[in-house]
Structures are given as structure tokens and as C-alpha cells.
Amino acid sequence: MVDLGFKLYGKADICTIAFAHPKYPCSNIQALMKRRDWSLALLQKPILIHFSFTPLNSTKVEQLIKDIREVIGELEKSTEKFKESVEVQLYGACSKIPDDATKGDIFKEILACFIDI
């Protein structure tokens, strides 16, 4: 994956890796990989893609790499300007609120909006 421009974070000598691409937001990569039935988690500070090798998906590493290559190819062909998803932006904004009580109040208001829908 390094040959595609990804940077690995932390020690990749265990069953979990975290990585990011310098050009494309992790949330875009994650969303496109989800369309290919991959469940990749996002980490924060910095925003990274997280992948754990389990007994099941460790047999699918070649497919994972193939799909990531296709996703990067798709992003390279796109004329869109990429930015992090709204969810990531909202998460980042909320993480900057220092007071937990205020965070709870905001969360309650957001939930109330969803419940009313």
C-alpha cells in the first residue's frame, strides 16, 4: 500500500494497522471501500483508517489490496475536490468542545431532531 502513497502509522507488526493517504481523505476512502463490502473503521487525532486482521479477513488480503488500488484509481480519475465527510467534520467540531455537559446537551438536541423525523 505504500506504493499507492499510503502512510502507515504506528507499528504494523501486529494484527492491526492504521493508515492514511496524503491526497485523499480517509472518509472518502472508507466510503468507497464500504461499497465493496469492507468495514474499515476511522480513528481520530489524526484521522486514519483502521484495519484489523482477523482469521476470516486475513484470507482476503489480496482482495483488500486490489480494492484499495481500484479506490485510489477511482479517486485519481475524479475531478472533485475532496474533503472529509460531514460526519468527520461534525465529530471534529464536537471534540473541540471542552465541557462534557455541553457536549451532552448538543447530543440530546441532535438526537431529538432524528427522533422527530
Protein backbone atom coordinates (compact mmCIF):
# COMPACT_ATOMS: atom_id res chain seq x y z
CA MET A 1 0.00 0.00 0.00
CA VAL A 2 2.99 2.27 0.44
CA ASP A 3 3.43 2.13 -3.34
CA LEU A 4 -0.02 3.79 -3.63
CA GLY A 5 1.08 6.69 -1.45
CA PHE A 6 -0.36 5.50 1.86
CA LYS A 7 1.48 6.21 5.07
CA LEU A 8 1.38 3.62 7.83
CA TYR A 9 1.09 4.85 11.41
CA GLY A 10 2.30 3.06 14.48
CA LYS A 11 3.83 -0.39 14.49
CA ALA A 12 2.43 -2.63 11.79
CA ASP A 13 3.94 -5.76 13.31
CA ILE A 14 0.70 -6.83 14.99
CA CYS A 15 -2.74 -7.71 13.64
CA THR A 16 -3.91 -4.09 13.37
CA ILE A 17 -2.80 -1.36 11.00
CA ALA A 18 -3.65 2.33 10.74
CA PHE A 19 -3.01 4.25 7.55
CA ALA A 20 -3.90 7.36 5.60
CA HIS A 21 -3.36 8.79 2.15
CA PRO A 22 -1.81 12.26 1.90
CA LYS A 23 -4.03 13.31 -1.02
CA TYR A 24 -7.42 11.72 -0.31
CA PRO A 25 -9.46 12.00 2.90
CA CYS A 26 -9.83 8.81 4.89
CA SER A 27 -13.62 9.19 4.99
CA ASN A 28 -13.77 9.14 1.17
CA ILE A 29 -11.61 6.02 1.01
CA GLN A 30 -13.67 4.38 3.74
CA ALA A 31 -16.95 5.15 1.96
CA LEU A 32 -15.72 3.73 -1.35
CA MET A 33 -14.36 0.63 0.37
CA LYS A 34 -17.72 0.16 2.11
CA ARG A 35 -19.34 -0.09 -1.33
CA ARG A 36 -17.02 -3.04 -1.87
CA ASP A 37 -18.23 -4.66 1.40
CA TRP A 38 -15.21 -3.72 3.51
CA SER A 39 -15.82 -2.44 7.02
CA LEU A 40 -12.93 -0.09 7.76
CA ALA A 41 -13.01 1.99 10.92
CA LEU A 42 -11.88 5.59 11.25
CA LEU A 43 -9.62 6.76 14.04
CA GLN A 44 -9.20 10.32 15.31
CA LYS A 45 -6.27 12.64 16.03
CA PRO A 46 -5.10 12.16 13.35
CA ILE A 47 -7.92 10.80 11.21
CA LEU A 48 -6.74 7.40 10.00
CA ILE A 49 -8.20 4.24 8.54
CA HIS A 50 -8.00 1.29 10.92
CA PHE A 51 -7.98 -2.33 9.83
CA SER A 52 -7.71 -5.44 11.99
CA PHE A 53 -6.63 -8.74 10.54
CA THR A 54 -8.95 -11.46 11.78
CA PRO A 55 -8.77 -15.15 10.88
CA LEU A 56 -11.53 -14.57 8.31
CA ASN A 57 -10.33 -11.41 6.60
CA SER A 58 -6.66 -12.36 6.70
CA THR A 59 -7.51 -14.79 3.91
CA LYS A 60 -8.76 -11.83 1.83
CA VAL A 61 -5.66 -9.60 1.89
CA GLU A 62 -5.15 -9.81 -1.87
CA GLN A 63 -8.75 -8.69 -2.44
CA LEU A 64 -8.31 -5.86 0.07
CA ILE A 65 -5.23 -4.58 -1.77
CA LYS A 66 -6.97 -4.94 -5.14
CA ASP A 67 -9.98 -2.99 -3.90
CA ILE A 68 -7.83 -0.25 -2.37
CA ARG A 69 -5.94 0.07 -5.68
CA GLU A 70 -9.27 0.45 -7.50
CA VAL A 71 -10.50 3.04 -4.99
CA ILE A 72 -7.33 5.12 -5.37
CA GLY A 73 -7.64 4.81 -9.14
CA GLU A 74 -11.23 6.00 -8.92
CA LEU A 75 -10.22 8.96 -6.75
CA GLU A 76 -7.35 9.85 -9.09
CA LYS A 77 -9.72 9.98 -12.08
CA SER A 78 -12.23 12.15 -10.24
CA THR A 79 -12.33 15.88 -10.87
CA GLU A 80 -13.90 16.54 -7.46
CA LYS A 81 -12.08 18.43 -4.77
CA PHE A 82 -12.02 16.09 -1.81
CA LYS A 83 -12.68 16.95 1.81
CA GLU A 84 -13.55 14.97 4.91
CA SER A 85 -17.16 13.87 5.21
CA VAL A 86 -19.71 15.89 7.15
CA GLU A 87 -19.69 13.19 9.83
CA VAL A 88 -15.94 13.59 10.33
CA GLN A 89 -16.24 17.38 10.38
CA LEU A 90 -19.04 17.24 12.96
CA TYR A 91 -17.07 14.76 15.07
CA GLY A 92 -14.03 17.02 14.94
CA ALA A 93 -16.04 20.09 15.87
CA CYS A 94 -17.62 18.30 18.84
CA SER A 95 -14.24 17.08 20.06
CA LYS A 96 -13.15 20.72 20.46
CA ILE A 97 -15.91 21.48 22.98
CA PRO A 98 -14.12 21.33 26.35
CA ASP A 99 -17.19 20.87 28.55
CA ASP A 100 -18.72 17.38 28.65
CA ALA A 101 -22.07 18.69 29.88
CA THR A 102 -22.32 20.96 26.83
CA LYS A 103 -21.44 18.03 24.57
CA GLY A 104 -24.25 16.05 26.20
CA ASP A 105 -26.73 18.88 25.63
CA ILE A 106 -25.74 19.15 21.96
CA PHE A 107 -26.02 15.38 21.54
CA LYS A 108 -29.52 15.40 23.05
CA GLU A 109 -30.60 18.11 20.60
CA ILE A 110 -29.21 16.18 17.64
CA LEU A 111 -30.99 13.01 18.78
CA ALA A 112 -34.23 14.92 19.24
CA CYS A 113 -34.01 16.06 15.61
CA PHE A 114 -33.62 12.48 14.43
CA ILE A 115 -36.43 11.23 16.60
CA ASP A 116 -38.75 13.94 15.26
CA ILE A 117 -38.03 12.85 11.68
